[in-house]
Amino acid sequence: MLKKDATYYIVEESVLPEVFLKVIKAKELLEKGEVKAVNEAVRLVGISRSAFYKYKDCIFPFFESSRGKIITLAFVLQDIPGILSKILNIISDTNANILTINQNIPLGGIATVTISIRTSDMTKSVKELIQEIERVDGVKKIEILGREEY
């Protein structure tokens, strides 16, 4: 659980101590049901139980922290008929609640769009959602502009 009075940082994975990455991997094994117990997870990733319990509530992937939030996504799209509809269908298929859509008039064949979604009922992670949208022809860029708790 995120602590309201704590300070958080976004840090590139390559600079994290190895123990943090192993804790994340152990948590993933448990969440996906690939292992049944903490003992098995920590043995597979090569850390102690004490290291796992020390850090398990303090380290998590960026996208995991997006559950139960309002996320605002910014898109740069080619001006192709139906592209926004495809994106909205992908978002809808994940059970995200679309709160706002702001689309600018395309200039030079490029349109910018921002979409705010509520993530609490999503059937996929925000990371999976973004990866799926990135595969749509004509999507040039996706960026998370902000996250807010509600």
N, C-alpha and C. Protein backbone atom coordinates (compact mmCIF):
# COMPACT_ATOMS: atom_id res chain seq x y z
N MET A 1 0.84 -1.18 0.00
CA MET A 1 0.00 0.00 0.00
C MET A 1 0.88 1.25 0.00
N LEU A 2 0.57 2.21 -0.82
CA LEU A 2 1.33 3.45 -0.85
C LEU A 2 1.02 4.29 0.37
N LYS A 3 2.08 4.83 0.96
CA LYS A 3 1.91 5.69 2.13
C LYS A 3 1.75 7.13 1.66
N LYS A 4 0.74 7.81 2.18
CA LYS A 4 0.45 9.19 1.76
C LYS A 4 1.57 10.16 2.11
N ASP A 5 2.23 9.96 3.24
CA ASP A 5 3.23 10.93 3.69
C ASP A 5 4.65 10.58 3.22
N ALA A 6 4.81 9.53 2.44
CA ALA A 6 6.13 9.12 1.97
C ALA A 6 6.49 9.88 0.70
N THR A 7 7.78 9.90 0.39
CA THR A 7 8.27 10.49 -0.85
C THR A 7 8.60 9.35 -1.80
N TYR A 8 8.16 9.44 -3.06
CA TYR A 8 8.38 8.40 -4.04
C TYR A 8 9.20 8.94 -5.19
N TYR A 9 9.95 8.02 -5.82
CA TYR A 9 10.79 8.37 -6.95
C TYR A 9 10.56 7.35 -8.06
N ILE A 10 10.72 7.78 -9.28
CA ILE A 10 10.74 6.85 -10.40
C ILE A 10 12.20 6.69 -10.76
N VAL A 11 12.66 5.44 -10.71
CA VAL A 11 14.07 5.15 -10.93
C VAL A 11 14.19 4.13 -12.04
N GLU A 12 15.13 4.34 -12.95
CA GLU A 12 15.37 3.38 -14.02
C GLU A 12 15.86 2.06 -13.45
N GLU A 13 15.31 0.98 -13.96
CA GLU A 13 15.60 -0.37 -13.47
C GLU A 13 17.10 -0.67 -13.41
N SER A 14 17.85 -0.20 -14.39
CA SER A 14 19.27 -0.57 -14.48
C SER A 14 20.12 -0.06 -13.32
N VAL A 15 19.63 0.91 -12.56
CA VAL A 15 20.42 1.44 -11.44
C VAL A 15 19.97 0.91 -10.09
N LEU A 16 18.94 0.07 -10.07
CA LEU A 16 18.46 -0.49 -8.81
C LEU A 16 19.38 -1.61 -8.32
N PRO A 17 19.54 -1.72 -7.01
CA PRO A 17 20.27 -2.87 -6.47
C PRO A 17 19.56 -4.17 -6.87
N GLU A 18 20.34 -5.20 -7.09
CA GLU A 18 19.80 -6.48 -7.57
C GLU A 18 18.72 -7.04 -6.65
N VAL A 19 18.84 -6.82 -5.35
CA VAL A 19 17.86 -7.36 -4.40
C VAL A 19 16.46 -6.81 -4.69
N PHE A 20 16.35 -5.55 -5.08
CA PHE A 20 15.04 -4.97 -5.40
C PHE A 20 14.40 -5.68 -6.59
N LEU A 21 15.20 -5.93 -7.62
CA LEU A 21 14.68 -6.59 -8.81
C LEU A 21 14.25 -8.02 -8.49
N LYS A 22 14.98 -8.67 -7.60
CA LYS A 22 14.62 -10.04 -7.21
C LYS A 22 13.35 -10.06 -6.37
N VAL A 23 13.15 -9.04 -5.55
CA VAL A 23 11.91 -8.94 -4.77
C VAL A 23 10.72 -8.78 -5.72
N ILE A 24 10.87 -7.93 -6.72
CA ILE A 24 9.81 -7.74 -7.71
C ILE A 24 9.51 -9.05 -8.43
N LYS A 25 10.56 -9.76 -8.83
CA LYS A 25 10.38 -11.04 -9.53
C LYS A 25 9.66 -12.05 -8.63
N ALA A 26 10.04 -12.11 -7.35
CA ALA A 26 9.39 -13.02 -6.41
C ALA A 26 7.91 -12.67 -6.26
N LYS A 27 7.60 -11.38 -6.16
CA LYS A 27 6.20 -10.96 -6.06
C LYS A 27 5.42 -11.36 -7.31
N GLU A 28 6.04 -11.21 -8.48
CA GLU A 28 5.37 -11.59 -9.73
C GLU A 28 5.09 -13.09 -9.76
N LEU A 29 6.05 -13.90 -9.32
CA LEU A 29 5.85 -15.36 -9.29
C LEU A 29 4.66 -15.72 -8.41
N LEU A 30 4.56 -15.04 -7.27
CA LEU A 30 3.44 -15.30 -6.35
C LEU A 30 2.12 -14.83 -6.94
N GLU A 31 2.09 -13.64 -7.52
CA GLU A 31 0.86 -13.08 -8.08
C GLU A 31 0.32 -13.90 -9.25
N LYS A 32 1.23 -14.42 -10.07
CA LYS A 32 0.83 -15.19 -11.25
C LYS A 32 0.51 -16.64 -10.90
N GLY A 33 0.75 -17.03 -9.65
CA GLY A 33 0.47 -18.40 -9.23
C GLY A 33 1.50 -19.40 -9.71
N GLU A 34 2.66 -18.92 -10.14
CA GLU A 34 3.71 -19.82 -10.60
C GLU A 34 4.37 -20.55 -9.44
N VAL A 35 4.26 -19.99 -8.25
CA VAL A 35 4.71 -20.64 -7.02
C VAL A 35 3.60 -20.46 -6.00
N LYS A 36 3.59 -21.33 -5.00
CA LYS A 36 2.51 -21.28 -4.01
C LYS A 36 2.91 -20.60 -2.72
N ALA A 37 4.22 -20.51 -2.45
CA ALA A 37 4.66 -19.98 -1.16
C ALA A 37 5.86 -19.06 -1.33
N VAL A 38 6.01 -18.16 -0.36
CA VAL A 38 7.14 -17.23 -0.36
C VAL A 38 8.45 -18.00 -0.37
N ASN A 39 8.54 -19.08 0.41
CA ASN A 39 9.78 -19.86 0.46
C ASN A 39 10.24 -20.28 -0.94
N GLU A 40 9.29 -20.76 -1.73
CA GLU A 40 9.60 -21.22 -3.07
C GLU A 40 10.01 -20.05 -3.97
N ALA A 41 9.31 -18.93 -3.86
CA ALA A 41 9.61 -17.75 -4.69
C ALA A 41 11.00 -17.22 -4.40
N VAL A 42 11.34 -17.06 -3.12
CA VAL A 42 12.65 -16.50 -2.78
C VAL A 42 13.78 -17.45 -3.16
N ARG A 43 13.53 -18.75 -3.04
CA ARG A 43 14.54 -19.73 -3.43
C ARG A 43 14.81 -19.63 -4.93
N LEU A 44 13.74 -19.50 -5.74
CA LEU A 44 13.90 -19.42 -7.19
C LEU A 44 14.65 -18.17 -7.64
N VAL A 45 14.40 -17.05 -6.98
CA VAL A 45 15.06 -15.80 -7.40
C VAL A 45 16.39 -15.55 -6.70
N GLY A 46 16.66 -16.31 -5.63
CA GLY A 46 17.96 -16.21 -4.98
C GLY A 46 18.11 -15.12 -3.94
N ILE A 47 17.06 -14.91 -3.13
CA ILE A 47 17.15 -13.97 -2.01
C ILE A 47 16.64 -14.65 -0.75
N SER A 48 16.92 -14.02 0.38
CA SER A 48 16.43 -14.56 1.65
C SER A 48 14.98 -14.12 1.90
N ARG A 49 14.30 -14.86 2.76
CA ARG A 49 12.94 -14.48 3.15
C ARG A 49 12.96 -13.12 3.82
N SER A 50 13.97 -12.88 4.64
CA SER A 50 14.03 -11.60 5.36
C SER A 50 14.18 -10.43 4.39
N ALA A 51 14.97 -10.60 3.32
CA ALA A 51 15.10 -9.53 2.32
C ALA A 51 13.77 -9.31 1.62
N PHE A 52 13.07 -10.39 1.30
CA PHE A 52 11.77 -10.26 0.65
C PHE A 52 10.80 -9.47 1.53
N TYR A 53 10.69 -9.87 2.80
CA TYR A 53 9.74 -9.20 3.69
C TYR A 53 10.16 -7.76 4.01
N LYS A 54 11.46 -7.50 4.00
CA LYS A 54 11.95 -6.15 4.28
C LYS A 54 11.51 -5.17 3.18
N TYR A 55 11.53 -5.63 1.92
CA TYR A 55 11.31 -4.72 0.80
C TYR A 55 9.98 -4.90 0.06
N LYS A 56 9.23 -5.97 0.33
CA LYS A 56 8.08 -6.30 -0.51
C LYS A 56 7.02 -5.20 -0.57
N ASP A 57 6.87 -4.42 0.50
CA ASP A 57 5.86 -3.37 0.50
C ASP A 57 6.42 -2.00 0.09
N CYS A 58 7.70 -1.99 -0.30
CA CYS A 58 8.35 -0.71 -0.63
C CYS A 58 8.80 -0.62 -2.09
N ILE A 59 8.76 -1.73 -2.81
CA ILE A 59 9.21 -1.71 -4.20
C ILE A 59 8.15 -2.37 -5.07
N PHE A 60 7.82 -1.73 -6.19
CA PHE A 60 6.83 -2.28 -7.09
C PHE A 60 7.03 -1.66 -8.46
N PRO A 61 6.64 -2.36 -9.50
CA PRO A 61 6.76 -1.78 -10.85
C PRO A 61 5.90 -0.53 -10.97
N PHE A 62 6.33 0.42 -11.76
CA PHE A 62 5.62 1.68 -11.95
C PHE A 62 4.17 1.46 -12.33
N PHE A 63 3.90 0.58 -13.27
CA PHE A 63 2.54 0.39 -13.74
C PHE A 63 1.65 -0.26 -12.70
N GLU A 64 2.23 -1.08 -11.82
CA GLU A 64 1.43 -1.70 -10.76
C GLU A 64 0.82 -0.65 -9.85
N SER A 65 1.55 0.44 -9.64
CA SER A 65 1.06 1.49 -8.75
C SER A 65 -0.06 2.31 -9.38
N SER A 66 -0.38 2.01 -10.63
CA SER A 66 -1.41 2.76 -11.33
C SER A 66 -2.81 2.22 -11.10
N ARG A 67 -2.94 1.06 -10.46
CA ARG A 67 -4.27 0.49 -10.20
C ARG A 67 -5.01 1.36 -9.20
N GLY A 68 -6.31 1.53 -9.42
CA GLY A 68 -7.12 2.31 -8.50
C GLY A 68 -6.85 3.80 -8.59
N LYS A 69 -6.47 4.25 -9.75
CA LYS A 69 -6.11 5.65 -9.93
C LYS A 69 -6.83 6.19 -11.17
N ILE A 70 -6.72 7.49 -11.34
CA ILE A 70 -7.12 8.12 -12.59
C ILE A 70 -5.82 8.42 -13.33
N ILE A 71 -5.72 7.90 -14.52
CA ILE A 71 -4.52 8.07 -15.34
C ILE A 71 -4.88 8.95 -16.52
N THR A 72 -4.03 9.91 -16.83
CA THR A 72 -4.21 10.72 -18.03
C THR A 72 -3.12 10.36 -19.02
N LEU A 73 -3.55 9.90 -20.18
CA LEU A 73 -2.63 9.49 -21.24
C LEU A 73 -2.64 10.52 -22.35
N ALA A 74 -1.47 10.82 -22.89
CA ALA A 74 -1.35 11.73 -24.03
C ALA A 74 -0.89 10.93 -25.24
N PHE A 75 -1.52 11.19 -26.36
CA PHE A 75 -1.23 10.45 -27.59
C PHE A 75 -0.83 11.43 -28.69
N VAL A 76 0.10 11.01 -29.52
CA VAL A 76 0.39 11.67 -30.78
C VAL A 76 0.02 10.64 -31.85
N LEU A 77 -0.95 11.02 -32.70
CA LEU A 77 -1.52 10.08 -33.67
C LEU A 77 -1.44 10.64 -35.08
N GLN A 78 -1.28 9.75 -36.04
CA GLN A 78 -1.42 10.16 -37.43
C GLN A 78 -2.90 10.42 -37.68
N ASP A 79 -3.18 11.32 -38.58
CA ASP A 79 -4.57 11.65 -38.92
C ASP A 79 -5.12 10.58 -39.85
N ILE A 80 -5.52 9.45 -39.25
CA ILE A 80 -6.06 8.30 -39.99
C ILE A 80 -7.49 8.08 -39.51
N PRO A 81 -8.43 8.00 -40.44
CA PRO A 81 -9.82 7.76 -40.02
C PRO A 81 -9.94 6.49 -39.17
N GLY A 82 -10.63 6.60 -38.05
CA GLY A 82 -10.89 5.45 -37.20
C GLY A 82 -9.84 5.12 -36.16
N ILE A 83 -8.72 5.83 -36.16
CA ILE A 83 -7.65 5.49 -35.21
C ILE A 83 -8.07 5.73 -33.76
N LEU A 84 -8.74 6.85 -33.51
CA LEU A 84 -9.19 7.12 -32.14
C LEU A 84 -10.23 6.09 -31.70
N SER A 85 -11.09 5.69 -32.61
CA SER A 85 -12.09 4.68 -32.30
C SER A 85 -11.42 3.36 -31.90
N LYS A 86 -10.36 2.97 -32.60
CA LYS A 86 -9.63 1.75 -32.25
C LYS A 86 -9.04 1.85 -30.84
N ILE A 87 -8.48 3.00 -30.53
CA ILE A 87 -7.88 3.20 -29.21
C ILE A 87 -8.95 3.15 -28.13
N LEU A 88 -10.07 3.81 -28.36
CA LEU A 88 -11.16 3.80 -27.38
C LEU A 88 -11.71 2.39 -27.17
N ASN A 89 -11.79 1.61 -28.24
CA ASN A 89 -12.25 0.22 -28.11
C ASN A 89 -11.28 -0.61 -27.28
N ILE A 90 -9.99 -0.41 -27.46
CA ILE A 90 -8.99 -1.13 -26.67
C ILE A 90 -9.14 -0.77 -25.20
N ILE A 91 -9.28 0.52 -24.93
CA ILE A 91 -9.45 0.97 -23.54
C ILE A 91 -10.73 0.38 -22.95
N SER A 92 -11.80 0.44 -23.71
CA SER A 92 -13.08 -0.10 -23.25
C SER A 92 -12.99 -1.61 -22.99
N ASP A 93 -12.29 -2.32 -23.85
CA ASP A 93 -12.16 -3.78 -23.70
C ASP A 93 -11.43 -4.17 -22.42
N THR A 94 -10.65 -3.26 -21.84
CA THR A 94 -9.95 -3.57 -20.58
C THR A 94 -10.80 -3.23 -19.37
N ASN A 95 -11.99 -2.72 -19.60
CA ASN A 95 -12.92 -2.31 -18.53
C ASN A 95 -12.50 -1.02 -17.83
N ALA A 96 -11.60 -0.28 -18.44
CA ALA A 96 -11.25 1.03 -17.88
C ALA A 96 -12.43 1.97 -18.12
N ASN A 97 -12.63 2.88 -17.20
CA ASN A 97 -13.72 3.85 -17.32
C ASN A 97 -13.14 5.12 -17.94
N ILE A 98 -13.56 5.45 -19.15
CA ILE A 98 -13.08 6.65 -19.83
C ILE A 98 -13.79 7.85 -19.23
N LEU A 99 -13.02 8.77 -18.69
CA LEU A 99 -13.59 9.95 -18.02
C LEU A 99 -13.62 11.17 -18.92
N THR A 100 -12.53 11.42 -19.64
CA THR A 100 -12.48 12.58 -20.55
C THR A 100 -11.69 12.22 -21.79
N ILE A 101 -12.05 12.89 -22.89
CA ILE A 101 -11.31 12.78 -24.15
C ILE A 101 -11.16 14.20 -24.68
N ASN A 102 -9.93 14.60 -24.95
CA ASN A 102 -9.67 15.91 -25.55
C ASN A 102 -8.86 15.67 -26.82
N GLN A 103 -9.42 16.08 -27.95
CA GLN A 103 -8.74 15.90 -29.23
C GLN A 103 -8.55 17.24 -29.89
N ASN A 104 -7.34 17.49 -30.35
CA ASN A 104 -7.05 18.72 -31.08
C ASN A 104 -7.21 18.49 -32.57
N ILE A 105 -7.43 19.56 -33.30
CA ILE A 105 -7.53 19.49 -34.76
C ILE A 105 -6.18 19.05 -35.31
N PRO A 106 -6.18 18.06 -36.22
CA PRO A 106 -4.91 17.60 -36.79
C PRO A 106 -4.21 18.71 -37.58
N LEU A 107 -2.92 18.81 -37.37
CA LEU A 107 -2.08 19.76 -38.12
C LEU A 107 -0.93 18.97 -38.72
N GLY A 108 -0.74 19.14 -40.00
CA GLY A 108 0.34 18.44 -40.68
C GLY A 108 0.21 16.93 -40.61
N GLY A 109 -1.03 16.46 -40.56
CA GLY A 109 -1.26 15.02 -40.54
C GLY A 109 -1.08 14.37 -39.18
N ILE A 110 -0.91 15.20 -38.13
CA ILE A 110 -0.70 14.69 -36.77
C ILE A 110 -1.74 15.30 -35.83
N ALA A 111 -2.33 14.46 -34.99
CA ALA A 111 -3.30 14.93 -34.00
C ALA A 111 -2.81 14.56 -32.59
N THR A 112 -3.10 15.44 -31.65
CA THR A 112 -2.81 15.12 -30.25
C THR A 112 -4.12 14.90 -29.52
N VAL A 113 -4.11 13.89 -28.65
CA VAL A 113 -5.30 13.51 -27.91
C VAL A 113 -4.88 13.22 -26.48
N THR A 114 -5.69 13.65 -25.52
CA THR A 114 -5.50 13.21 -24.14
C THR A 114 -6.77 12.49 -23.70
N ILE A 115 -6.55 11.41 -22.98
CA ILE A 115 -7.66 10.60 -22.47
C ILE A 115 -7.39 10.31 -21.01
N SER A 116 -8.37 10.58 -20.16
CA SER A 116 -8.27 10.24 -18.74
C SER A 116 -9.16 9.03 -18.47
N ILE A 117 -8.58 8.06 -17.74
CA ILE A 117 -9.32 6.83 -17.45
C ILE A 117 -9.23 6.50 -15.96
N ARG A 118 -10.27 5.85 -15.47
CA ARG A 118 -10.26 5.29 -14.12
C ARG A 118 -9.84 3.83 -14.25
N THR A 119 -8.85 3.40 -13.47
CA THR A 119 -8.23 2.09 -13.68
C THR A 119 -8.70 1.00 -12.73
N SER A 120 -9.56 1.31 -11.78
CA SER A 120 -9.89 0.36 -10.71
C SER A 120 -10.49 -0.95 -11.20
N ASP A 121 -11.24 -0.96 -12.29
CA ASP A 121 -11.88 -2.18 -12.76
C ASP A 121 -11.20 -2.81 -13.97
N MET A 122 -9.99 -2.36 -14.26
CA MET A 122 -9.30 -2.85 -15.46
C MET A 122 -8.98 -4.34 -15.35
N THR A 123 -9.13 -5.03 -16.47
CA THR A 123 -8.81 -6.45 -16.53
C THR A 123 -7.39 -6.70 -17.00
N LYS A 124 -6.69 -5.65 -17.39
CA LYS A 124 -5.27 -5.72 -17.77
C LYS A 124 -4.54 -4.64 -17.00
N SER A 125 -3.23 -4.73 -16.96
CA SER A 125 -2.43 -3.69 -16.32
C SER A 125 -2.34 -2.48 -17.26
N VAL A 126 -1.98 -1.34 -16.71
CA VAL A 126 -1.79 -0.14 -17.53
C VAL A 126 -0.68 -0.39 -18.55
N LYS A 127 0.35 -1.10 -18.13
CA LYS A 127 1.46 -1.42 -19.04
C LYS A 127 0.95 -2.23 -20.23
N GLU A 128 0.13 -3.26 -19.97
CA GLU A 128 -0.42 -4.07 -21.06
C GLU A 128 -1.32 -3.24 -21.97
N LEU A 129 -2.11 -2.35 -21.37
CA LEU A 129 -2.97 -1.47 -22.16
C LEU A 129 -2.13 -0.61 -23.11
N ILE A 130 -1.10 0.01 -22.58
CA ILE A 130 -0.25 0.88 -23.41
C ILE A 130 0.43 0.07 -24.51
N GLN A 131 0.91 -1.11 -24.18
CA GLN A 131 1.57 -1.95 -25.19
C GLN A 131 0.60 -2.32 -26.32
N GLU A 132 -0.64 -2.60 -25.96
CA GLU A 132 -1.63 -2.95 -26.97
C GLU A 132 -1.94 -1.74 -27.86
N ILE A 133 -2.08 -0.57 -27.26
CA ILE A 133 -2.36 0.64 -28.05
C ILE A 133 -1.19 0.98 -28.95
N GLU A 134 0.03 0.77 -28.48
CA GLU A 134 1.22 1.07 -29.29
C GLU A 134 1.26 0.26 -30.59
N ARG A 135 0.59 -0.88 -30.61
CA ARG A 135 0.57 -1.72 -31.82
C ARG A 135 -0.42 -1.23 -32.88
N VAL A 136 -1.25 -0.25 -32.55
CA VAL A 136 -2.20 0.29 -33.52
C VAL A 136 -1.44 1.13 -34.54
N ASP A 137 -1.67 0.84 -35.82
CA ASP A 137 -1.03 1.62 -36.89
C ASP A 137 -1.41 3.09 -36.76
N GLY A 138 -0.40 3.95 -36.80
CA GLY A 138 -0.63 5.38 -36.72
C GLY A 138 -0.42 5.98 -35.35
N VAL A 139 -0.22 5.14 -34.33
CA VAL A 139 0.09 5.66 -32.99
C VAL A 139 1.59 5.96 -32.97
N LYS A 140 1.91 7.23 -32.84
CA LYS A 140 3.31 7.66 -32.87
C LYS A 140 3.93 7.72 -31.48
N LYS A 141 3.11 8.07 -30.47
CA LYS A 141 3.65 8.24 -29.13
C LYS A 141 2.53 8.14 -28.11
N ILE A 142 2.84 7.52 -26.96
CA ILE A 142 1.92 7.49 -25.82
C ILE A 142 2.75 7.87 -24.61
N GLU A 143 2.16 8.70 -23.77
CA GLU A 143 2.85 9.16 -22.57
C GLU A 143 1.84 9.27 -21.43
N ILE A 144 2.27 8.89 -20.24
CA ILE A 144 1.42 9.09 -19.06
C ILE A 144 1.67 10.51 -18.57
N LEU A 145 0.64 11.34 -18.63
CA LEU A 145 0.77 12.73 -18.18
C LEU A 145 0.62 12.86 -16.68
N GLY A 146 -0.22 12.03 -16.09
CA GLY A 146 -0.44 12.16 -14.66
C GLY A 146 -1.22 11.00 -14.11
N ARG A 147 -1.13 10.88 -12.77
CA ARG A 147 -1.88 9.86 -12.02
C ARG A 147 -2.40 10.50 -10.77
N GLU A 148 -3.64 10.22 -10.47
CA GLU A 148 -4.24 10.77 -9.25
C GLU A 148 -5.04 9.68 -8.57
N GLU A 149 -5.03 9.69 -7.24
CA GLU A 149 -5.89 8.78 -6.51
C GLU A 149 -7.27 9.41 -6.44
N TYR A 150 -8.25 8.59 -6.27
CA TYR A 150 -9.62 9.08 -6.11
C TYR A 150 -10.26 8.42 -4.92
